[in-house]
Amino acid sequence: MNADENASGPDVIKVSAKSRSTAVAGAIAGVIREHHYAEVQAIGAGAVNQAVKALAIARGYLSRDEIDIVFTPYFTEVNIDGQERTAVRFAVEPRGGRTSAG
């Protein structure tokens, strides 16, 4: 898991098949608390599995703050070492839509 610069908002949380789902969940919860929006990216079945588990765990972490999150998956093309790859991204936000970070 690492973060990628994104000029339009918080960094993209990148998940690999080897990522610890609890660590990714903590990152998701932290970004949601700070920015009220997060993007999680995974390439490959193992990485998508870890990302989905992390999103479920993050819901539990955020429920303590009375924040219920929802996520919308979509495909995006990313360039890795000069090769185009298809990634699954999850747009994550509090239920009811984005609120202003404040």
Foldseek 3Di string as FASTA:
>chain_A
DDFDDDPVAGTAAEFELPDQLCVSLVVVLVRCLQAQKYKYKYADDSRVVSPVSSVVVNQVVCVVVVFHKDWDWDWDWDADPNDTGIMIMIIMGTPPDGDGGD
